[in-house]
Structure formats: C-alpha cells, structure tokens
C-alpha cells in the first residue's frame, strides 16, 4: 500500500523493509551482510525496466522532510538560515529539470523552516515553491493561501506542516498518474539531497550518534535513488545528475550495515494485537568516512542547485 508522506512524519526516513533480506526458516538469529545492488544491471547495453508499482515503492521509502527536520531539531543545534537554499534566482530556473530539482530542495527546506517556526522565512520559501509548482503545472495542488495564513500564526504549526507535506504528496501522486514520474523522481532527489545536506551540516556542529546513524543508513536509500534516476538515462541531464549522486555513493562504500534477525513478539496496543519485529541494525562508520560523506554531500548539493 502506498505510504503518504504526511503519514510517515515520525517514521524513519529509511523505509527499506527487512523483507528484502533473506532470513532463516527456523527463526534463529542471523547476522546479515550489507545489501548492495549489483552494478552490472546498470550497464549501457542493458535497458533498465522498472514497473510503476516498483517505482512507487522506492520513492515512498525515501523522503520525509518534516521527520528529518524533527530529528535535527532534537539535537539542540539552533536554526541556521545560511544552510537553506536561496530563493533569489527562481526565475533563472528555465527548464522543468531544474525546476523539479529545486522544488524538492525548497520542499525539504520548508520542513526545516516549519519545524523551527520561522514564519517570516516560510513565506519567502512558499512563494518560490508556488512559482516552481506553477511552472511544472502542479500548482493546483499547493494550497498557497491557506499555508500563508497558517504561517502567520504559530499556534497552527501542526496544521501548517500537515498541509505543506500533503500538498507535496498530492503533487507527487498526480505526476505519477499522469506519466510524469521523471519529474516526481527529480523532486524526490532534491528533497533527499537537501535533507542529507542539512543533516551533515548539523553533525559537523554536533556529532550526535542518532543523526550520524541516520546519515550512515542512507546507504540503502541511496542505492534505490540511483536505481530510479538511471531509469531515465536516455536524458543527458539525468546522466549528469547520476554522475553527481554516484560521487556520494562511492563515499558510502566504506559504510557497513548489518542486521541481526530477532524473534517477532506479539503485543497488545490500544486493544489490538500487533507483531513487533525485534531485529537489530548495526552500523559501522569511521570518523574519516563520515567526514568524506559530509564534504562530498556539500559539494554535490551545491552543484546540483546549479545543474
């Protein structure tokens, strides 16, 4: 079932299910090796075919800008306007490719602004988002007047965040249903790269363990993101974008992620029986690797803004 972004606000940005991994039939614990997508499936002589359903599953598991912003705020690192992408050059984005990428970037920044209740900056950000959405012919899904009204009243923060992310959800669904998944993929890519940029910049200031682990476990999401983008390798602009994203992937090669399968446990929650998976994830990332990832993401993000 398709997960809406507003439903996964407080769910991990990494939505890669443990069902993707093999497990033992007797339920015994087993440590699983890091998951990788074979590079040879991306060869130029092999067309990459991804069903619409598979594309939806991949994209649904990538972005939750508000959830990432909540994690960053929990570190105690104060809001920083200088981290956000500029909205001054919106009129210079003269192709759908640039507009979609930057719409995703600004969408992630919107989650960051909302979480820190920066209403003044929210208005500028939303104005730019509204302009880009109109250029992409999806502005009808962005309730600009309501969001603008809520942004001037901090008491309506929850409603503001809900409408903001649900607007992006509605735009995304429309793009997929109208065979414009390439635009949807670019928006998601922009959101992902900006979320990672914000996270890595916060970690530079305060290396908190849970944020470092969130950055490290993006290795799995990154594989899926590249899989999506390579589906449009017939477009030279997508090829250039993949080259940039793969620079980040190379830095992640040194990150090791393993899993230990645990016994599922039945619990009663609010009168309902649920199954809790007691699986554990282990992340191994050195300080040197983290620094390389931070620097590369910063370089790639700044270049992507100008692609």
C-alpha atoms as a PDB file:
ATOM      1  CA  UNK A   1       0.000   0.000   0.000  1.00  0.00           C
ATOM      2  CA  UNK A   2       1.281   3.454  -0.865  1.00  0.00           C
ATOM      3  CA  UNK A   3       2.512   5.431   2.146  1.00  0.00           C
ATOM      4  CA  UNK A   4       1.706   9.147   2.150  1.00  0.00           C
ATOM      5  CA  UNK A   5       4.451  11.498   3.309  1.00  0.00           C
ATOM      6  CA  UNK A   6       2.243  13.035   5.983  1.00  0.00           C
ATOM      7  CA  UNK A   7       1.691   9.556   7.456  1.00  0.00           C
ATOM      8  CA  UNK A   8       5.409   8.914   7.873  1.00  0.00           C
ATOM      9  CA  UNK A   9       6.375  12.152   9.601  1.00  0.00           C
ATOM     10  CA  UNK A  10       7.768  10.287  12.591  1.00  0.00           C
ATOM     11  CA  UNK A  11       8.786   7.082  10.812  1.00  0.00           C
ATOM     12  CA  UNK A  12      12.424   6.518   9.846  1.00  0.00           C
ATOM     13  CA  UNK A  13      13.413   8.022   6.511  1.00  0.00           C
ATOM     14  CA  UNK A  14      14.865   4.634   5.752  1.00  0.00           C
ATOM     15  CA  UNK A  15      11.856   2.612   4.677  1.00  0.00           C
ATOM     16  CA  UNK A  16      13.801  -0.341   3.326  1.00  0.00           C
ATOM     17  CA  UNK A  17      11.915  -3.332   4.656  1.00  0.00           C
ATOM     18  CA  UNK A  18      13.762  -6.216   6.256  1.00  0.00           C
ATOM     19  CA  UNK A  19      11.631  -8.366   3.993  1.00  0.00           C
ATOM     20  CA  UNK A  20      14.122  -7.516   1.268  1.00  0.00           C
ATOM     21  CA  UNK A  21      16.668  -9.670   3.058  1.00  0.00           C
ATOM     22  CA  UNK A  22      16.834 -13.409   3.230  1.00  0.00           C
ATOM     23  CA  UNK A  23      16.197 -14.986   6.592  1.00  0.00           C
ATOM     24  CA  UNK A  24      16.411 -18.439   8.102  1.00  0.00           C
ATOM     25  CA  UNK A  25      13.309 -20.563   8.170  1.00  0.00           C
ATOM     26  CA  UNK A  26      13.788 -21.681  11.772  1.00  0.00           C
ATOM     27  CA  UNK A  27      13.629 -18.117  13.109  1.00  0.00           C
ATOM     28  CA  UNK A  28      17.130 -18.291  14.568  1.00  0.00           C
ATOM     29  CA  UNK A  29      19.179 -15.122  14.784  1.00  0.00           C
ATOM     30  CA  UNK A  30      21.493 -14.486  11.907  1.00  0.00           C
ATOM     31  CA  UNK A  31      23.693 -11.507  11.110  1.00  0.00           C
ATOM     32  CA  UNK A  32      23.171 -10.407   7.513  1.00  0.00           C
ATOM     33  CA  UNK A  33      25.712  -8.765   5.274  1.00  0.00           C
ATOM     34  CA  UNK A  34      25.437  -5.281   3.844  1.00  0.00           C
ATOM     35  CA  UNK A  35      22.936  -5.068   0.972  1.00  0.00           C
ATOM     36  CA  UNK A  36      24.191  -3.899  -2.406  1.00  0.00           C
ATOM     37  CA  UNK A  37      22.610  -3.585  -5.833  1.00  0.00           C
ATOM     38  CA  UNK A  38      24.782  -5.296  -8.485  1.00  0.00           C
ATOM     39  CA  UNK A  39      26.415  -2.660 -10.645  1.00  0.00           C
ATOM     40  CA  UNK A  40      26.178  -4.785 -13.799  1.00  0.00           C
ATOM     41  CA  UNK A  41      22.416  -4.280 -14.011  1.00  0.00           C
ATOM     42  CA  UNK A  42      23.164  -0.681 -14.917  1.00  0.00           C
ATOM     43  CA  UNK A  43      25.282  -1.489 -17.968  1.00  0.00           C
ATOM     44  CA  UNK A  44      24.622   0.661 -21.016  1.00  0.00           C
ATOM     45  CA  UNK A  45      23.701  -2.401 -23.029  1.00  0.00           C
ATOM     46  CA  UNK A  46      21.022  -3.479 -20.578  1.00  0.00           C
ATOM     47  CA  UNK A  47      17.840  -1.397 -20.533  1.00  0.00           C
ATOM     48  CA  UNK A  48      16.623  -0.775 -17.018  1.00  0.00           C
ATOM     49  CA  UNK A  49      12.948  -1.656 -16.688  1.00  0.00           C
ATOM     50  CA  UNK A  50      11.146  -0.659 -13.501  1.00  0.00           C
ATOM     51  CA  UNK A  51       7.411  -1.141 -13.086  1.00  0.00           C
ATOM     52  CA  UNK A  52       5.290   1.785 -11.931  1.00  0.00           C
ATOM     53  CA  UNK A  53       4.476  -0.103  -8.735  1.00  0.00           C
ATOM     54  CA  UNK A  54       8.153  -0.693  -8.008  1.00  0.00           C
ATOM     55  CA  UNK A  55       8.922   2.963  -8.695  1.00  0.00           C
ATOM     56  CA  UNK A  56       6.229   3.989  -6.229  1.00  0.00           C
ATOM     57  CA  UNK A  57       7.575   1.657  -3.557  1.00  0.00           C
ATOM     58  CA  UNK A  58      11.088   3.048  -3.962  1.00  0.00           C
ATOM     59  CA  UNK A  59      10.034   6.693  -3.944  1.00  0.00           C
ATOM     60  CA  UNK A  60       7.676   6.220  -0.994  1.00  0.00           C
ATOM     61  CA  UNK A  61      10.587   4.992   1.099  1.00  0.00           C
ATOM     62  CA  UNK A  62      12.882   7.938   0.525  1.00  0.00           C
ATOM     63  CA  UNK A  63      11.656  11.290   1.736  1.00  0.00           C
ATOM     64  CA  UNK A  64      10.098  12.698   4.869  1.00  0.00           C
ATOM     65  CA  UNK A  65      11.367  16.279   5.168  1.00  0.00           C
ATOM     66  CA  UNK A  66       9.468  17.057   8.366  1.00  0.00           C
ATOM     67  CA  UNK A  67      10.704  13.889  10.056  1.00  0.00           C
ATOM     68  CA  UNK A  68      14.292  14.749   9.199  1.00  0.00           C
ATOM     69  CA  UNK A  69      13.789  18.306  10.455  1.00  0.00           C
ATOM     70  CA  UNK A  70      12.368  16.951  13.738  1.00  0.00           C
ATOM     71  CA  UNK A  71      15.455  14.794  14.182  1.00  0.00           C
ATOM     72  CA  UNK A  72      17.771  17.738  13.572  1.00  0.00           C
ATOM     73  CA  UNK A  73      15.873  19.966  15.978  1.00  0.00           C
ATOM     74  CA  UNK A  74      16.148  17.282  18.664  1.00  0.00           C
ATOM     75  CA  UNK A  75      19.938  17.721  18.632  1.00  0.00           C
ATOM     76  CA  UNK A  76      19.615  21.156  20.156  1.00  0.00           C
ATOM     77  CA  UNK A  77      21.551  22.764  17.316  1.00  0.00           C
ATOM     78  CA  UNK A  78      19.869  26.117  16.646  1.00  0.00           C
ATOM     79  CA  UNK A  79      18.216  27.074  13.378  1.00  0.00           C
ATOM     80  CA  UNK A  80      20.553  28.417  10.708  1.00  0.00           C
ATOM     81  CA  UNK A  81      19.224  30.424   7.776  1.00  0.00           C
ATOM     82  CA  UNK A  82      22.558  30.143   5.974  1.00  0.00           C
ATOM     83  CA  UNK A  83      22.002  26.401   5.471  1.00  0.00           C
ATOM     84  CA  UNK A  84      18.944  26.949   3.299  1.00  0.00           C
ATOM     85  CA  UNK A  85      18.932  27.237  -0.469  1.00  0.00           C
ATOM     86  CA  UNK A  86      18.468  30.732  -1.835  1.00  0.00           C
ATOM     87  CA  UNK A  87      15.133  31.673  -3.380  1.00  0.00           C
ATOM     88  CA  UNK A  88      16.572  34.700  -5.183  1.00  0.00           C
ATOM     89  CA  UNK A  89      17.224  33.024  -8.523  1.00  0.00           C
ATOM     90  CA  UNK A  90      13.960  31.144  -9.017  1.00  0.00           C
ATOM     91  CA  UNK A  91      13.246  32.977 -12.283  1.00  0.00           C
ATOM     92  CA  UNK A  92      16.537  31.701 -13.715  1.00  0.00           C
ATOM     93  CA  UNK A  93      15.371  28.073 -13.460  1.00  0.00           C
ATOM     94  CA  UNK A  94      14.192  27.831 -17.047  1.00  0.00           C
ATOM     95  CA  UNK A  95      13.784  24.074 -17.544  1.00  0.00           C
ATOM     96  CA  UNK A  96      11.479  21.502 -15.931  1.00  0.00           C
ATOM     97  CA  UNK A  97      14.575  19.566 -14.870  1.00  0.00           C
ATOM     98  CA  UNK A  98      15.968  22.479 -12.849  1.00  0.00           C
ATOM     99  CA  UNK A  99      12.561  23.485 -11.553  1.00  0.00           C
ATOM    100  CA  UNK A 100      11.738  19.991 -10.264  1.00  0.00           C
ATOM    101  CA  UNK A 101      15.100  19.501  -8.558  1.00  0.00           C
ATOM    102  CA  UNK A 102      14.874  22.855  -6.828  1.00  0.00           C
ATOM    103  CA  UNK A 103      11.228  22.317  -5.916  1.00  0.00           C
ATOM    104  CA  UNK A 104      12.367  19.253  -3.968  1.00  0.00           C
ATOM    105  CA  UNK A 105      15.200  21.181  -2.339  1.00  0.00           C
ATOM    106  CA  UNK A 106      12.909  24.009  -1.260  1.00  0.00           C
ATOM    107  CA  UNK A 107      10.317  21.478  -0.112  1.00  0.00           C
ATOM    108  CA  UNK A 108      12.840  19.998   2.287  1.00  0.00           C
ATOM    109  CA  UNK A 109      13.797  23.482   3.472  1.00  0.00           C
ATOM    110  CA  UNK A 110      10.101  24.152   4.103  1.00  0.00           C
ATOM    111  CA  UNK A 111      10.011  21.243   6.556  1.00  0.00           C
ATOM    112  CA  UNK A 112      13.070  22.676   8.325  1.00  0.00           C
ATOM    113  CA  UNK A 113      11.527  26.165   8.496  1.00  0.00           C
ATOM    114  CA  UNK A 114       8.194  24.827   9.752  1.00  0.00           C
ATOM    115  CA  UNK A 115       9.836  22.745  12.461  1.00  0.00           C
ATOM    116  CA  UNK A 116      11.677  25.794  13.807  1.00  0.00           C
ATOM    117  CA  UNK A 117       8.585  28.027  13.394  1.00  0.00           C
ATOM    118  CA  UNK A 118      10.369  30.556  11.185  1.00  0.00           C
ATOM    119  CA  UNK A 119       7.200  32.093   9.805  1.00  0.00           C
ATOM    120  CA  UNK A 120       8.839  35.043   8.077  1.00  0.00           C
ATOM    121  CA  UNK A 121      11.179  32.878   6.046  1.00  0.00           C
ATOM    122  CA  UNK A 122       8.390  30.370   5.399  1.00  0.00           C
ATOM    123  CA  UNK A 123       6.522  32.959   3.333  1.00  0.00           C
ATOM    124  CA  UNK A 124       9.511  33.550   1.034  1.00  0.00           C
ATOM    125  CA  UNK A 125      10.103  29.835   0.709  1.00  0.00           C
ATOM    126  CA  UNK A 126       6.467  29.097  -0.088  1.00  0.00           C
ATOM    127  CA  UNK A 127       6.300  31.871  -2.666  1.00  0.00           C
ATOM    128  CA  UNK A 128       9.232  30.274  -4.500  1.00  0.00           C
ATOM    129  CA  UNK A 129       7.693  26.790  -4.207  1.00  0.00           C
ATOM    130  CA  UNK A 130       4.386  28.076  -5.533  1.00  0.00           C
ATOM    131  CA  UNK A 131       6.132  29.660  -8.520  1.00  0.00           C
ATOM    132  CA  UNK A 132       8.035  26.464  -9.365  1.00  0.00           C
ATOM    133  CA  UNK A 133       4.935  24.316  -8.923  1.00  0.00           C
ATOM    134  CA  UNK A 134       3.028  26.538 -11.342  1.00  0.00           C
ATOM    135  CA  UNK A 135       5.817  26.262 -13.906  1.00  0.00           C
ATOM    136  CA  UNK A 136       5.573  22.479 -13.625  1.00  0.00           C
ATOM    137  CA  UNK A 137       1.782  22.636 -13.956  1.00  0.00           C
ATOM    138  CA  UNK A 138       1.179  21.195 -10.500  1.00  0.00           C
ATOM    139  CA  UNK A 139       0.482  24.430  -8.643  1.00  0.00           C
ATOM    140  CA  UNK A 140      -3.170  23.479  -8.223  1.00  0.00           C
ATOM    141  CA  UNK A 141      -2.133  21.001  -5.531  1.00  0.00           C
ATOM    142  CA  UNK A 142      -0.386  23.662  -3.455  1.00  0.00           C
ATOM    143  CA  UNK A 143      -2.838  25.494  -1.185  1.00  0.00           C
ATOM    144  CA  UNK A 144      -0.790  28.674  -1.063  1.00  0.00           C
ATOM    145  CA  UNK A 145      -3.400  30.956   0.525  1.00  0.00           C
ATOM    146  CA  UNK A 146      -4.136  28.563   3.394  1.00  0.00           C
ATOM    147  CA  UNK A 147      -0.471  27.835   4.055  1.00  0.00           C
ATOM    148  CA  UNK A 148       0.330  31.555   4.014  1.00  0.00           C
ATOM    149  CA  UNK A 149      -2.434  32.215   6.547  1.00  0.00           C
ATOM    150  CA  UNK A 150      -1.266  29.420   8.835  1.00  0.00           C
ATOM    151  CA  UNK A 151       2.356  30.540   8.575  1.00  0.00           C
ATOM    152  CA  UNK A 152       1.487  33.834  10.232  1.00  0.00           C
ATOM    153  CA  UNK A 153       0.038  32.067  13.270  1.00  0.00           C
ATOM    154  CA  UNK A 154       2.444  29.840  15.205  1.00  0.00           C
ATOM    155  CA  UNK A 155      -0.459  28.226  17.041  1.00  0.00           C
ATOM    156  CA  UNK A 156      -1.342  26.420  13.816  1.00  0.00           C
ATOM    157  CA  UNK A 157       2.071  24.792  13.329  1.00  0.00           C
ATOM    158  CA  UNK A 158       0.695  21.245  13.160  1.00  0.00           C
ATOM    159  CA  UNK A 159      -1.851  22.239  10.511  1.00  0.00           C
ATOM    160  CA  UNK A 160       0.825  24.121   8.586  1.00  0.00           C
ATOM    161  CA  UNK A 161       3.119  21.105   8.472  1.00  0.00           C
ATOM    162  CA  UNK A 162       0.263  18.777   7.564  1.00  0.00           C
ATOM    163  CA  UNK A 163      -0.924  20.894   4.643  1.00  0.00           C
ATOM    164  CA  UNK A 164       2.622  21.570   3.469  1.00  0.00           C
ATOM    165  CA  UNK A 165       3.646  17.925   3.184  1.00  0.00           C
ATOM    166  CA  UNK A 166       0.250  16.724   1.958  1.00  0.00           C
ATOM    167  CA  UNK A 167       0.499  19.297  -0.855  1.00  0.00           C
ATOM    168  CA  UNK A 168       3.734  17.644  -1.961  1.00  0.00           C
ATOM    169  CA  UNK A 169       2.119  14.239  -1.599  1.00  0.00           C
ATOM    170  CA  UNK A 170      -0.760  15.243  -3.877  1.00  0.00           C
ATOM    171  CA  UNK A 171       1.633  16.688  -6.461  1.00  0.00           C
ATOM    172  CA  UNK A 172       3.691  13.504  -6.393  1.00  0.00           C
ATOM    173  CA  UNK A 173       0.660  11.264  -6.879  1.00  0.00           C
ATOM    174  CA  UNK A 174      -0.598  13.356  -9.778  1.00  0.00           C
ATOM    175  CA  UNK A 175       2.789  13.279 -11.507  1.00  0.00           C
ATOM    176  CA  UNK A 176       2.956   9.510 -11.316  1.00  0.00           C
ATOM    177  CA  UNK A 177      -0.600   9.000 -12.502  1.00  0.00           C
ATOM    178  CA  UNK A 178      -0.042  11.346 -15.445  1.00  0.00           C
ATOM    179  CA  UNK A 179       3.123   9.518 -16.578  1.00  0.00           C
ATOM    180  CA  UNK A 180       5.451  12.246 -15.359  1.00  0.00           C
ATOM    181  CA  UNK A 181       7.390  10.107 -12.916  1.00  0.00           C
ATOM    182  CA  UNK A 182      10.609  11.675 -14.163  1.00  0.00           C
ATOM    183  CA  UNK A 183       9.525  14.979 -12.603  1.00  0.00           C
ATOM    184  CA  UNK A 184       8.465  13.209  -9.411  1.00  0.00           C
ATOM    185  CA  UNK A 185      11.865  11.488  -9.258  1.00  0.00           C
ATOM    186  CA  UNK A 186      13.653  14.826  -9.521  1.00  0.00           C
ATOM    187  CA  UNK A 187      11.561  16.342  -6.734  1.00  0.00           C
ATOM    188  CA  UNK A 188      12.341  13.363  -4.501  1.00  0.00           C
ATOM    189  CA  UNK A 189      16.044  13.594  -5.373  1.00  0.00           C
ATOM    190  CA  UNK A 190      16.082  17.271  -4.466  1.00  0.00           C
ATOM    191  CA  UNK A 191      14.390  16.540  -1.154  1.00  0.00           C
ATOM    192  CA  UNK A 192      16.814  13.737  -0.360  1.00  0.00           C
ATOM    193  CA  UNK A 193      19.984  15.647  -1.160  1.00  0.00           C
ATOM    194  CA  UNK A 194      18.832  18.716   0.785  1.00  0.00           C
ATOM    195  CA  UNK A 195      17.815  16.605   3.779  1.00  0.00           C
ATOM    196  CA  UNK A 196      21.221  14.968   3.761  1.00  0.00           C
ATOM    197  CA  UNK A 197      22.924  18.337   3.407  1.00  0.00           C
ATOM    198  CA  UNK A 198      21.078  19.728   6.434  1.00  0.00           C
ATOM    199  CA  UNK A 199      21.803  16.587   8.463  1.00  0.00           C
ATOM    200  CA  UNK A 200      25.518  16.529   7.645  1.00  0.00           C
ATOM    201  CA  UNK A 201      25.913  20.224   8.402  1.00  0.00           C
ATOM    202  CA  UNK A 202      24.263  19.736  11.795  1.00  0.00           C
ATOM    203  CA  UNK A 203      26.522  16.756  12.506  1.00  0.00           C
ATOM    204  CA  UNK A 204      29.574  18.885  11.804  1.00  0.00           C
ATOM    205  CA  UNK A 205      28.496  21.169  14.619  1.00  0.00           C
ATOM    206  CA  UNK A 206      27.231  18.476  16.971  1.00  0.00           C
ATOM    207  CA  UNK A 207      28.166  14.851  16.184  1.00  0.00           C
ATOM    208  CA  UNK A 208      25.168  13.201  17.807  1.00  0.00           C
ATOM    209  CA  UNK A 209      25.029   9.418  17.465  1.00  0.00           C
ATOM    210  CA  UNK A 210      21.450   9.054  16.224  1.00  0.00           C
ATOM    211  CA  UNK A 211      21.976  11.647  13.488  1.00  0.00           C
ATOM    212  CA  UNK A 212      25.257  10.004  12.431  1.00  0.00           C
ATOM    213  CA  UNK A 213      23.466   6.662  12.202  1.00  0.00           C
ATOM    214  CA  UNK A 214      20.664   8.245  10.184  1.00  0.00           C
ATOM    215  CA  UNK A 215      23.231   9.603   7.759  1.00  0.00           C
ATOM    216  CA  UNK A 216      25.004   6.237   7.555  1.00  0.00           C
ATOM    217  CA  UNK A 217      21.887   4.171   6.905  1.00  0.00           C
ATOM    218  CA  UNK A 218      21.104   6.316   3.884  1.00  0.00           C
ATOM    219  CA  UNK A 219      23.441   3.958   2.038  1.00  0.00           C
ATOM    220  CA  UNK A 220      20.454   1.720   1.336  1.00  0.00           C
ATOM    221  CA  UNK A 221      18.212   4.583   0.258  1.00  0.00           C
ATOM    222  CA  UNK A 222      20.978   5.884  -1.979  1.00  0.00           C
ATOM    223  CA  UNK A 223      21.064   2.631  -3.917  1.00  0.00           C
ATOM    224  CA  UNK A 224      17.331   2.935  -4.607  1.00  0.00           C
ATOM    225  CA  UNK A 225      17.646   6.586  -5.573  1.00  0.00           C
ATOM    226  CA  UNK A 226      20.295   5.797  -8.171  1.00  0.00           C
ATOM    227  CA  UNK A 227      18.128   2.939  -9.449  1.00  0.00           C
ATOM    228  CA  UNK A 228      15.297   5.415 -10.077  1.00  0.00           C
ATOM    229  CA  UNK A 229      17.457   8.019 -11.785  1.00  0.00           C
ATOM    230  CA  UNK A 230      19.139   5.510 -14.077  1.00  0.00           C
ATOM    231  CA  UNK A 231      15.722   4.601 -15.370  1.00  0.00           C
ATOM    232  CA  UNK A 232      15.888   7.905 -17.295  1.00  0.00           C
ATOM    233  CA  UNK A 233      19.437   7.528 -18.563  1.00  0.00           C
ATOM    234  CA  UNK A 234      18.261   8.387 -22.071  1.00  0.00           C
ATOM    235  CA  UNK A 235      18.182  12.022 -20.911  1.00  0.00           C
ATOM    236  CA  UNK A 236      21.664  13.553 -20.729  1.00  0.00           C
ATOM    237  CA  UNK A 237      20.646  15.777 -17.812  1.00  0.00           C
ATOM    238  CA  UNK A 238      19.739  12.693 -15.774  1.00  0.00           C
ATOM    239  CA  UNK A 239      23.109  11.171 -16.705  1.00  0.00           C
ATOM    240  CA  UNK A 240      24.864  14.248 -15.307  1.00  0.00           C
ATOM    241  CA  UNK A 241      22.761  14.043 -12.148  1.00  0.00           C
ATOM    242  CA  UNK A 242      23.584  10.363 -11.658  1.00  0.00           C
ATOM    243  CA  UNK A 243      27.294  11.141 -12.005  1.00  0.00           C
ATOM    244  CA  UNK A 244      26.979  13.600  -9.135  1.00  0.00           C
ATOM    245  CA  UNK A 245      24.924  11.264  -6.921  1.00  0.00           C
ATOM    246  CA  UNK A 246      27.371   8.419  -7.539  1.00  0.00           C
ATOM    247  CA  UNK A 247      30.130  10.571  -6.043  1.00  0.00           C
ATOM    248  CA  UNK A 248      28.228  10.281  -2.782  1.00  0.00           C
ATOM    249  CA  UNK A 249      27.701   6.557  -3.278  1.00  0.00           C
ATOM    250  CA  UNK A 250      31.440   5.981  -3.576  1.00  0.00           C
ATOM    251  CA  UNK A 251      31.985   7.590  -0.180  1.00  0.00           C
ATOM    252  CA  UNK A 252      29.351   5.268   1.287  1.00  0.00           C
ATOM    253  CA  UNK A 253      31.237   2.173   0.147  1.00  0.00           C
ATOM    254  CA  UNK A 254      33.151   2.218   3.425  1.00  0.00           C
ATOM    255  CA  UNK A 255      29.940   2.213   5.495  1.00  0.00           C
ATOM    256  CA  UNK A 256      28.979  -1.251   6.690  1.00  0.00           C
ATOM    257  CA  UNK A 257      25.402  -2.089   7.648  1.00  0.00           C
ATOM    258  CA  UNK A 258      24.474  -5.483   9.047  1.00  0.00           C
ATOM    259  CA  UNK A 259      21.312  -6.879  10.575  1.00  0.00           C
ATOM    260  CA  UNK A 260      20.512  -9.431  13.229  1.00  0.00           C
ATOM    261  CA  UNK A 261      17.161 -11.119  12.825  1.00  0.00           C
ATOM    262  CA  UNK A 262      15.301 -11.449  16.106  1.00  0.00           C
ATOM    263  CA  UNK A 263      12.227 -13.335  17.228  1.00  0.00           C
ATOM    264  CA  UNK A 264       8.984 -11.452  16.450  1.00  0.00           C
ATOM    265  CA  UNK A 265       6.921 -10.599  19.520  1.00  0.00           C
ATOM    266  CA  UNK A 266       3.154 -10.222  19.859  1.00  0.00           C
ATOM    267  CA  UNK A 267       1.962  -7.215  21.882  1.00  0.00           C
ATOM    268  CA  UNK A 268      -1.385  -5.646  22.671  1.00  0.00           C
ATOM    269  CA  UNK A 269      -1.555  -1.937  21.845  1.00  0.00           C
ATOM    270  CA  UNK A 270      -4.791   0.005  22.317  1.00  0.00           C
ATOM    271  CA  UNK A 271      -6.745  -3.228  22.393  1.00  0.00           C
ATOM    272  CA  UNK A 272      -5.191  -4.513  19.170  1.00  0.00           C
ATOM    273  CA  UNK A 273      -2.708  -7.328  18.733  1.00  0.00           C
ATOM    274  CA  UNK A 274       0.378  -6.252  16.799  1.00  0.00           C
ATOM    275  CA  UNK A 275       3.564  -8.043  15.832  1.00  0.00           C
ATOM    276  CA  UNK A 276       6.782  -6.299  16.827  1.00  0.00           C
ATOM    277  CA  UNK A 277       9.932  -7.189  14.916  1.00  0.00           C
ATOM    278  CA  UNK A 278      12.910  -7.384  17.271  1.00  0.00           C
ATOM    279  CA  UNK A 279      15.522  -7.051  14.562  1.00  0.00           C
ATOM    280  CA  UNK A 280      18.686  -5.078  15.194  1.00  0.00           C
ATOM    281  CA  UNK A 281      20.700  -2.942  12.824  1.00  0.00           C
ATOM    282  CA  UNK A 282      24.433  -2.444  13.240  1.00  0.00           C
ATOM    283  CA  UNK A 283      26.216   0.443  11.567  1.00  0.00           C
ATOM    284  CA  UNK A 284      29.952   0.781  11.203  1.00  0.00           C
ATOM    285  CA  UNK A 285      31.157   4.202  10.031  1.00  0.00           C
ATOM    286  CA  UNK A 286      34.543   5.729  10.806  1.00  0.00           C
ATOM    287  CA  UNK A 287      35.130   9.396  11.545  1.00  0.00           C
ATOM    288  CA  UNK A 288      37.150   9.627   8.350  1.00  0.00           C
ATOM    289  CA  UNK A 289      34.318   8.171   6.268  1.00  0.00           C
ATOM    290  CA  UNK A 290      31.776  10.468   7.901  1.00  0.00           C
ATOM    291  CA  UNK A 291      33.934  13.496   7.105  1.00  0.00           C
ATOM    292  CA  UNK A 292      34.257  12.384   3.480  1.00  0.00           C
ATOM    293  CA  UNK A 293      30.481  11.936   3.204  1.00  0.00           C
ATOM    294  CA  UNK A 294      29.855  15.361   4.741  1.00  0.00           C
ATOM    295  CA  UNK A 295      32.228  17.100   2.341  1.00  0.00           C
ATOM    296  CA  UNK A 296      31.015  15.247  -0.740  1.00  0.00           C
ATOM    297  CA  UNK A 297      27.337  15.868   0.004  1.00  0.00           C
ATOM    298  CA  UNK A 298      28.062  19.563   0.441  1.00  0.00           C
ATOM    299  CA  UNK A 299      29.901  19.735  -2.880  1.00  0.00           C
ATOM    300  CA  UNK A 300      27.256  17.729  -4.759  1.00  0.00           C
ATOM    301  CA  UNK A 301      24.359  19.657  -3.242  1.00  0.00           C
ATOM    302  CA  UNK A 302      25.838  22.992  -4.231  1.00  0.00           C
ATOM    303  CA  UNK A 303      26.493  21.721  -7.751  1.00  0.00           C
ATOM    304  CA  UNK A 304      23.023  20.201  -8.114  1.00  0.00           C
ATOM    305  CA  UNK A 305      21.431  23.529  -7.289  1.00  0.00           C
ATOM    306  CA  UNK A 306      23.175  24.903 -10.371  1.00  0.00           C
ATOM    307  CA  UNK A 307      22.712  21.917 -12.727  1.00  0.00           C
END
